[in-house]
Protein backbone atom coordinates (compact mmCIF):
# COMPACT_ATOMS: atom_id res chain seq x y z
CA MET A 1 82.77 66.54 194.30
CA ASP A 2 81.58 70.09 193.94
CA LEU A 3 83.63 73.32 193.18
CA GLU A 4 82.79 76.88 192.15
CA LEU A 5 84.14 78.75 189.03
CA VAL A 6 85.18 82.36 189.02
CA THR A 7 85.89 83.87 185.54
CA ILE A 8 88.03 86.95 185.58
CA GLY A 9 88.01 89.51 182.91
CA THR A 10 86.30 92.95 182.17
CA GLU A 11 86.17 91.86 178.41
CA LEU A 12 83.85 89.00 179.37
CA LEU A 13 81.41 91.36 181.07
CA LEU A 14 81.57 93.97 178.25
CA GLY A 15 80.73 91.08 175.67
CA PHE A 16 83.91 91.68 173.65
CA THR A 17 85.04 88.00 174.57
CA VAL A 18 82.69 85.03 174.60
CA ASP A 19 83.37 82.74 177.45
CA THR A 20 83.97 79.37 175.86
CA ASN A 21 86.05 78.29 178.88
CA SER A 22 83.22 77.66 181.17
CA ALA A 23 81.48 75.29 178.75
CA PHE A 24 84.71 73.41 178.23
CA LEU A 25 85.26 73.23 182.12
CA GLY A 26 81.86 71.95 182.82
CA GLN A 27 82.15 69.06 180.40
CA ALA A 28 85.70 68.24 181.15
CA LEU A 29 85.21 68.18 184.90
CA ALA A 30 81.95 66.15 184.66
CA GLY A 31 84.03 63.44 183.19
CA ALA A 32 86.07 63.39 186.32
CA GLY A 33 83.07 63.22 188.70
CA VAL A 34 83.27 66.95 189.47
CA ARG A 35 80.32 69.27 189.37
CA ILE A 36 80.47 73.17 188.94
CA THR A 37 77.77 74.40 191.37
CA ARG A 38 78.07 78.15 190.65
CA ARG A 39 79.86 80.33 188.12
CA THR A 40 80.71 83.93 188.87
CA SER A 41 82.20 86.53 186.46
CA VAL A 42 84.05 89.53 187.65
CA PRO A 43 85.96 92.51 186.13
CA ASP A 44 89.82 92.99 186.43
CA GLU A 45 89.40 94.77 189.80
CA PRO A 46 91.18 93.73 192.87
CA ALA A 47 88.16 94.06 195.27
CA ALA A 48 85.87 92.34 192.80
CA VAL A 49 88.21 89.31 192.43
CA ALA A 50 88.83 89.11 196.18
CA ALA A 51 85.17 89.20 196.91
CA ALA A 52 84.12 86.56 194.49
CA VAL A 53 86.97 84.20 195.49
CA SER A 54 86.51 84.49 199.14
CA GLU A 55 82.77 84.08 198.91
CA ALA A 56 83.24 80.99 196.71
CA LEU A 57 85.59 79.54 199.09
CA ALA A 58 83.21 80.15 202.09
CA ARG A 59 80.47 78.05 200.14
CA SER A 60 82.82 75.43 198.58
CA ARG A 61 86.37 74.74 199.59
CA LEU A 62 87.47 74.17 196.12
CA VAL A 63 87.51 77.13 193.42
CA ILE A 64 88.84 77.41 189.89
CA THR A 65 89.64 80.73 188.53
CA THR A 66 90.33 81.65 184.88
CA GLY A 67 92.04 84.79 183.69
CA GLY A 68 94.22 87.46 185.16
CA LEU A 69 97.55 85.57 185.00
CA GLY A 70 99.21 87.69 182.14
CA PRO A 71 101.95 90.27 182.31
CA THR A 72 99.88 93.49 182.12
CA LYS A 73 98.54 95.67 184.94
CA ASP A 74 95.11 94.39 184.75
CA ASP A 75 96.44 90.78 185.34
CA LEU A 76 96.20 90.83 189.21
CA SER A 77 94.31 87.60 190.06
CA LYS A 78 97.54 85.77 191.33
CA THR A 79 98.40 88.84 193.70
CA VAL A 80 94.80 89.03 195.02
CA VAL A 81 94.45 85.24 195.78
CA ALA A 82 97.87 85.19 197.29
CA GLU A 83 96.93 87.97 199.65
CA LEU A 84 93.56 85.91 200.65
CA PHE A 85 95.86 82.96 201.71
CA GLY A 86 98.42 85.20 203.38
CA LEU A 87 101.14 83.92 201.08
CA PRO A 88 104.02 86.08 199.80
CA LEU A 89 104.97 85.89 196.01
CA GLU A 90 108.38 84.22 195.33
CA PHE A 91 110.30 84.44 192.07
CA HIS A 92 111.03 80.95 190.52
CA GLN A 93 114.09 81.03 188.21
CA GLU A 94 113.16 77.82 186.31
CA ILE A 95 109.80 79.41 185.27
CA TRP A 96 111.66 82.57 184.09
CA ASP A 97 114.19 80.51 182.16
CA ALA A 98 111.31 78.62 180.39
CA ILE A 99 109.63 82.04 179.54
CA VAL A 100 113.05 83.40 178.16
CA ALA A 101 113.63 80.14 176.11
CA ARG A 102 110.01 80.44 174.67
CA PHE A 103 110.44 83.85 173.59
CA ALA A 104 113.81 82.98 171.97
CA ARG A 105 112.35 80.10 170.00
CA MET A 106 109.59 82.41 168.56
CA GLY A 107 112.24 85.12 167.80
CA ARG A 108 110.19 87.65 169.98
CA LYS A 109 111.57 90.48 172.34
CA LEU A 110 111.10 89.72 175.96
CA SER A 111 109.64 92.44 178.30
CA ASP A 112 110.46 92.88 181.77
CA ARG A 113 106.68 92.77 182.46
CA ASN A 114 106.87 89.04 181.90
CA ARG A 115 108.86 88.57 185.13
CA CYS A 116 105.79 88.63 187.16
CA GLN A 117 104.68 85.52 185.52
CA ALA A 118 107.58 83.73 187.14
CA GLU A 119 106.25 84.77 190.66
CA VAL A 120 104.46 82.07 192.60
CA PRO A 121 102.68 82.14 195.86
CA ARG A 122 104.71 80.50 198.45
CA GLY A 123 104.06 76.65 198.62
CA ALA A 124 101.80 76.80 195.62
CA THR A 125 101.94 73.77 193.06
CA VAL A 126 103.01 75.13 189.66
CA LEU A 127 101.09 73.59 186.77
CA PRO A 128 103.33 73.68 183.62
CA ASN A 129 101.87 75.40 180.66
CA PRO A 130 103.81 74.52 177.44
CA ARG A 131 101.30 76.51 175.44
CA GLY A 132 101.87 79.91 177.08
CA THR A 133 103.99 81.97 179.52
CA ALA A 134 101.58 81.82 182.45
CA PRO A 135 101.72 78.66 184.35
CA GLY A 136 98.71 77.38 186.32
CA LEU A 137 98.78 77.48 190.10
CA TRP A 138 97.19 75.19 192.77
CA ILE A 139 97.00 77.02 196.09
CA SER A 140 96.09 75.30 199.31
CA GLY A 141 95.69 76.72 202.75
CA ALA A 142 93.36 77.49 205.53
CA PRO A 143 90.59 79.18 203.26
CA GLY A 144 90.53 75.95 200.97
CA GLU A 145 91.95 75.48 197.54
CA VAL A 146 92.17 77.59 194.60
CA ILE A 147 93.21 76.43 191.07
CA MET A 148 94.25 79.34 188.95
CA LEU A 149 94.26 79.01 185.12
CA PRO A 150 95.05 81.33 182.40
CA GLY A 151 92.15 82.81 180.33
CA VAL A 152 93.54 81.87 176.97
CA PRO A 153 91.27 79.01 175.70
CA GLY A 154 94.13 76.91 174.29
CA GLU A 155 96.33 77.18 177.34
CA MET A 156 93.44 76.76 179.76
CA ARG A 157 92.20 73.67 177.99
CA GLY A 158 95.65 72.09 177.87
CA LEU A 159 96.11 72.53 181.64
CA VAL A 160 92.67 71.20 182.40
CA SER A 161 93.23 68.12 180.47
CA ASN A 162 96.68 67.29 181.42
CA GLU A 163 97.00 68.70 185.09
CA VAL A 164 93.59 69.52 186.68
CA VAL A 165 91.44 66.61 185.64
CA PRO A 166 93.80 63.90 186.54
CA ARG A 167 94.31 65.33 189.91
CA LEU A 168 90.53 65.75 190.72
CA ALA A 169 89.59 62.39 189.11
CA ALA A 170 91.95 60.80 191.70
CA ARG A 171 89.75 62.35 194.48
CA SER A 172 86.37 61.38 193.03
CA GLY A 173 86.45 57.76 193.85
CA GLY A 174 85.90 56.61 190.13
CA THR A 175 82.39 58.24 189.83
CA VAL A 176 81.46 60.46 186.91
CA VAL A 177 78.88 63.06 185.97
CA ARG A 178 77.78 61.92 182.52
CA SER A 179 75.29 63.38 180.06
CA HIS A 180 73.51 62.19 176.93
CA VAL A 181 71.79 64.59 174.44
CA LEU A 182 68.99 63.76 172.34
CA ARG A 183 68.40 66.32 169.36
CA THR A 184 64.87 67.15 168.33
CA THR A 185 63.44 69.45 165.80
CA GLY A 186 59.96 70.33 164.24
CA ILE A 187 58.18 70.51 167.66
CA ALA A 188 57.98 73.41 170.17
CA GLU A 189 59.37 73.17 173.66
CA SER A 190 55.99 73.30 175.25
CA MET A 191 54.53 70.50 173.04
CA LEU A 192 57.61 68.51 173.75
CA ALA A 193 57.24 68.92 177.47
CA GLU A 194 53.55 67.81 177.29
CA ARG A 195 54.34 64.58 175.40
CA LEU A 196 57.18 63.77 177.77
CA GLU A 197 55.36 64.54 180.95
CA PRO A 198 54.28 60.89 181.57
CA VAL A 199 57.85 59.64 181.16
CA GLU A 200 59.71 62.44 183.20
CA ASP A 201 58.96 61.12 186.55
CA SER A 202 60.39 57.64 185.74
CA LEU A 203 63.75 59.13 184.86
CA ALA A 204 64.78 59.72 188.41
CA PRO A 205 67.53 59.79 189.69
CA LEU A 206 68.59 61.22 186.29
CA THR A 207 67.72 64.71 185.45
CA LEU A 208 66.33 66.14 182.20
CA ALA A 209 66.94 69.55 180.76
CA TYR A 210 65.29 71.27 177.90
CA LEU A 211 67.69 73.37 175.79
CA PRO A 212 65.78 75.28 173.07
CA SER A 213 67.50 76.95 170.07
CA LEU A 214 66.53 78.26 166.70
CA GLU A 215 67.05 74.76 165.16
CA GLY A 216 65.15 72.80 167.76
CA VAL A 217 65.17 71.53 171.32
CA ASP A 218 68.00 69.47 172.73
CA LEU A 219 67.12 67.09 175.54
CA ARG A 220 69.93 66.64 177.97
CA LEU A 221 69.88 63.50 180.41
CA THR A 222 72.40 63.58 183.17
CA VAL A 223 73.45 60.96 185.67
CA TRP A 224 75.31 62.16 188.74
CA ASN A 225 78.09 60.48 190.66
CA ALA A 226 77.81 57.02 189.39
CA GLU A 227 80.26 54.35 188.25
CA PRO A 228 81.14 54.84 184.52
CA ASP A 229 79.37 51.56 183.32
CA ARG A 230 76.40 52.13 185.52
CA ALA A 231 76.11 55.79 184.20
CA ASP A 232 76.11 54.44 180.62
CA ALA A 233 73.48 51.99 181.28
CA LEU A 234 71.18 54.30 182.89
CA LEU A 235 71.56 56.87 180.18
CA ALA A 236 70.87 54.46 177.47
CA GLU A 237 67.70 53.09 179.16
CA ALA A 238 66.44 56.51 179.98
CA ALA A 239 67.16 57.80 176.41
CA ALA A 240 65.23 54.87 174.73
CA ARG A 241 62.35 55.51 177.12
CA LEU A 242 62.45 59.37 176.32
CA GLN A 243 62.54 58.71 172.60
CA GLN A 244 59.29 56.63 172.29
CA PRO A 245 56.73 59.42 172.43
CA ILE A 246 58.73 61.74 170.15
CA ALA A 247 60.57 59.42 167.72
CA GLU A 248 59.49 61.48 164.63
CA HIS A 249 61.18 64.60 166.01
CA VAL A 250 64.48 62.91 167.28
CA TYR A 251 67.07 63.05 164.60
CA GLY A 252 70.31 62.55 166.47
CA THR A 253 72.44 62.67 169.56
CA GLY A 254 75.29 64.67 170.96
CA GLN A 255 76.44 67.48 168.47
CA GLN A 256 75.12 65.84 165.22
CA ASP A 257 73.91 68.17 162.70
CA LEU A 258 70.56 67.47 160.99
CA ALA A 259 72.33 67.95 157.63
CA GLU A 260 74.78 65.20 158.50
CA VAL A 261 71.98 62.84 159.28
CA VAL A 262 70.14 63.52 155.99
CA LEU A 263 73.28 62.95 154.08
CA ALA A 264 73.95 59.68 155.80
CA ARG A 265 70.42 58.53 154.81
CA PHE A 266 70.85 59.59 151.22
CA ARG A 267 74.16 57.75 151.08
CA GLU A 268 72.73 54.60 152.28
CA ARG A 269 70.02 54.66 149.43
CA GLN A 270 72.54 56.06 146.85
CA TRP A 271 70.37 59.11 146.42
CA THR A 272 71.51 62.50 145.19
CA LEU A 273 70.30 65.98 146.16
CA ALA A 274 69.94 69.36 144.54
CA VAL A 275 68.34 72.62 146.03
CA ALA A 276 66.73 75.78 144.87
CA GLU A 277 66.74 78.56 147.49
CA SER A 278 65.04 82.04 147.56
CA CYS A 279 64.79 83.64 151.10
CA THR A 280 67.39 81.40 152.60
CA GLY A 281 69.90 82.80 150.13
CA GLY A 282 72.33 79.86 150.17
CA MET A 283 71.96 78.73 153.83
CA LEU A 284 70.63 75.42 152.98
CA GLY A 285 73.64 74.82 150.56
CA THR A 286 76.00 75.84 153.26
CA ARG A 287 74.61 73.55 155.94
CA ILE A 288 74.97 70.72 153.57
CA THR A 289 78.28 71.38 152.21
CA ALA A 290 79.69 71.91 155.68
CA ILE A 291 79.55 68.20 156.23
CA PRO A 292 82.75 66.23 155.10
CA GLY A 293 81.89 63.89 152.22
CA SER A 294 78.83 65.83 151.12
CA SER A 295 79.95 65.80 147.48
CA GLY A 296 79.02 62.14 147.29
CA VAL A 297 75.38 63.21 147.56
CA PHE A 298 74.92 66.81 146.90
CA ARG A 299 74.88 67.86 143.20
CA GLY A 300 74.62 71.52 143.80
CA GLY A 301 71.80 74.16 143.60
CA LEU A 302 70.67 77.74 142.71
CA ILE A 303 69.96 80.72 144.75
CA ALA A 304 66.94 81.93 142.69
CA TYR A 305 66.28 85.12 144.67
CA HIS A 306 64.80 87.22 141.78
CA ASP A 307 61.87 86.08 139.88
CA GLU A 308 63.76 86.16 136.70
CA LEU A 309 66.12 83.47 137.95
CA LYS A 310 62.98 81.34 139.13
CA ARG A 311 61.80 81.62 135.52
CA ASP A 312 65.29 80.75 134.11
CA LEU A 313 65.37 77.65 136.59
CA GLY A 314 62.01 76.46 135.04
CA VAL A 315 59.22 78.03 137.04
CA PRO A 316 56.57 78.92 134.46
CA ALA A 317 55.92 82.66 134.16
CA ARG A 318 52.12 82.14 134.60
CA ILE A 319 52.66 80.55 138.08
CA LEU A 320 54.63 83.34 139.36
CA GLU A 321 52.16 85.94 137.99
CA GLN A 322 49.08 84.11 139.35
CA HIS A 323 50.36 82.91 142.74
CA GLY A 324 53.51 84.93 143.53
CA ALA A 325 56.95 83.87 144.46
CA VAL A 326 55.93 82.78 147.87
CA SER A 327 53.30 80.10 147.16
CA GLU A 328 52.82 76.43 147.14
CA GLU A 329 52.68 76.35 143.27
CA THR A 330 55.99 78.23 142.89
CA VAL A 331 57.81 76.24 145.41
CA ARG A 332 56.70 73.04 143.96
CA GLU A 333 57.87 74.08 140.44
CA MET A 334 61.21 75.10 141.80
CA ALA A 335 61.88 71.72 143.35
CA LEU A 336 60.66 69.88 140.23
CA ALA A 337 62.88 72.16 138.10
CA ALA A 338 65.97 71.81 140.27
CA ARG A 339 65.60 68.00 140.29
CA ARG A 340 65.47 68.07 136.29
CA LYS A 341 68.27 70.60 136.05
CA TYR A 342 70.70 68.94 138.13
CA GLY A 343 69.80 65.29 137.51
CA ALA A 344 69.30 64.58 141.18
CA THR A 345 67.19 61.96 142.83
CA THR A 346 65.68 64.45 145.18
CA ALA A 347 65.38 68.27 145.17
CA LEU A 348 64.48 70.65 147.85
CA ALA A 349 63.16 74.25 147.47
CA ILE A 350 62.54 77.16 149.77
CA SER A 351 60.67 80.35 149.09
CA GLY A 352 59.58 82.88 151.79
CA ILE A 353 59.19 86.25 153.26
CA ALA A 354 62.00 86.84 155.84
CA GLY A 355 61.23 90.51 156.42
CA PRO A 356 61.23 92.79 158.05
CA ASP A 357 59.22 94.19 155.22
CA GLY A 358 57.21 92.64 152.40
CA GLY A 359 54.49 90.90 154.40
CA SER A 360 50.74 91.28 154.10
CA SER A 361 47.74 89.99 155.83
CA GLU A 362 47.61 86.82 153.47
CA LYS A 363 51.34 86.31 153.64
CA PRO A 364 52.67 87.77 156.78
CA VAL A 365 56.46 88.12 157.36
CA GLY A 366 57.82 84.77 158.39
CA THR A 367 55.74 82.98 155.80
CA VAL A 368 57.74 80.18 154.16
CA TRP A 369 57.02 77.44 151.66
CA ILE A 370 59.21 74.29 151.44
CA ALA A 371 58.85 71.74 148.90
CA HIS A 372 60.71 68.48 147.87
CA ALA A 373 60.49 66.65 144.63
CA ASP A 374 61.50 63.15 143.83
CA ALA A 375 60.40 60.21 141.52
CA ALA A 376 57.22 59.88 143.58
CA GLY A 377 56.18 63.48 142.78
CA SER A 378 56.40 66.63 145.03
CA GLU A 379 55.03 67.84 148.23
CA ALA A 380 54.86 71.35 149.63
CA HIS A 381 54.41 72.57 153.20
CA ARG A 382 53.71 76.03 154.62
CA ALA A 383 55.09 77.44 157.89
CA VAL A 384 55.16 80.84 159.64
CA PHE A 385 58.28 81.35 161.67
CA PRO A 386 58.73 84.09 164.28
CA GLY A 387 61.81 86.15 164.85
CA SER A 388 64.17 88.47 163.01
CA ARG A 389 65.23 88.21 159.40
CA GLN A 390 68.21 85.95 160.24
CA GLU A 391 66.17 83.83 162.72
CA ILE A 392 63.43 83.15 160.19
CA ARG A 393 66.13 82.09 157.63
CA ILE A 394 67.72 79.86 160.12
CA ARG A 395 64.41 78.22 161.15
CA ALA A 396 63.37 77.80 157.44
CA THR A 397 66.67 75.93 156.75
CA GLN A 398 66.13 73.44 159.58
CA ALA A 399 62.56 72.92 158.74
CA ALA A 400 63.62 72.07 155.24
CA LEU A 401 66.18 69.58 156.31
CA TRP A 402 63.68 68.09 158.75
CA ARG A 403 61.13 67.59 155.91
CA LEU A 404 63.75 65.97 153.90
CA TRP A 405 64.97 63.72 156.84
CA ARG A 406 61.26 62.54 157.35
CA ARG A 407 60.83 61.79 153.63
CA ALA A 408 64.22 59.89 153.58
CA ARG A 409 63.02 57.77 156.60
CA ALA A 410 59.65 56.92 155.15
CA ALA A 411 60.44 56.59 151.49
CA THR A 412 61.37 53.29 149.78
CA LEU A 413 62.61 54.74 146.54
């Protein structure tokens, strides 16, 4: 089953509000066997809303709208859609009573402006919204069907889960649209595509999407309109086939964070970890400590931004003088010193030039050295990352975690 989505709100187009509703709807509806074929965003203007909804109905007889159901003058979606269907608005006392009771419970003053939220296009199905004052609406008629939902994310999500998905799932015949995501890092999108080219043709009827980000490239496999058990089997088989040529770069699935995977490996081996950071300024420690239970592995670390702190950590002054703060020698010493200082099984160190200034022909902006130290010794790796200062720092943090993950997979300490 296909439908179109129309998101309504000038704030979405101006960039003041990030549209998280569309992402939630795409995932929630896919589980019910429903595919969003097109998404249109329009401002809070009657003509724009009318055109978007009518055009969507002409292409697909089923449309979901979000936004424009509030009590203010720019909340006009309901009136516009009712006019498209030729339906008058009727006041529903039971909706008004629920709004009055809600305001009373919260100890808030009720405005006459809220009365418009108790008006419903004649014959529309009211979708109760216990999380807010604007109910959802399901309007059916000659043009097709429009499901109208509030734009407030918490309210919209509750209505989708409790009212919309069950109704649509009953129509889908038990089929689903289901996806499986493999998370990769340490390899460029073009190189990834080159390695996977021999495999891609064999994935049909599943589809494969490449989703690049600063931290890596996610590979999303999707099966369309299949029975749930069949969909799971197809996805598992395709994921195993996809992983073979790129196993050293696949660190997880779904929304797994690389730091989470690293910590799990360390926990299995009863290892501990410490860090010493320079250009990343605490990003590495933040990624690690964001994972619940990280205290069982992570000892702590130091942001050794100034050379004086690198010396205090244990980096010999002669190393800094001869090779500089951004060098293989310095980053190795940082890792070794952090391991000693914090009594950790393994230590990880980062030093680099995040820019926008400070680079040279020998060490351009984006140059980063990463080292780890453990009982077997130390290793260092150099990379040059593109992007802004923030992007370089994010890429460096991810690269450090990837090096650590590879070490944890291969080591037998």
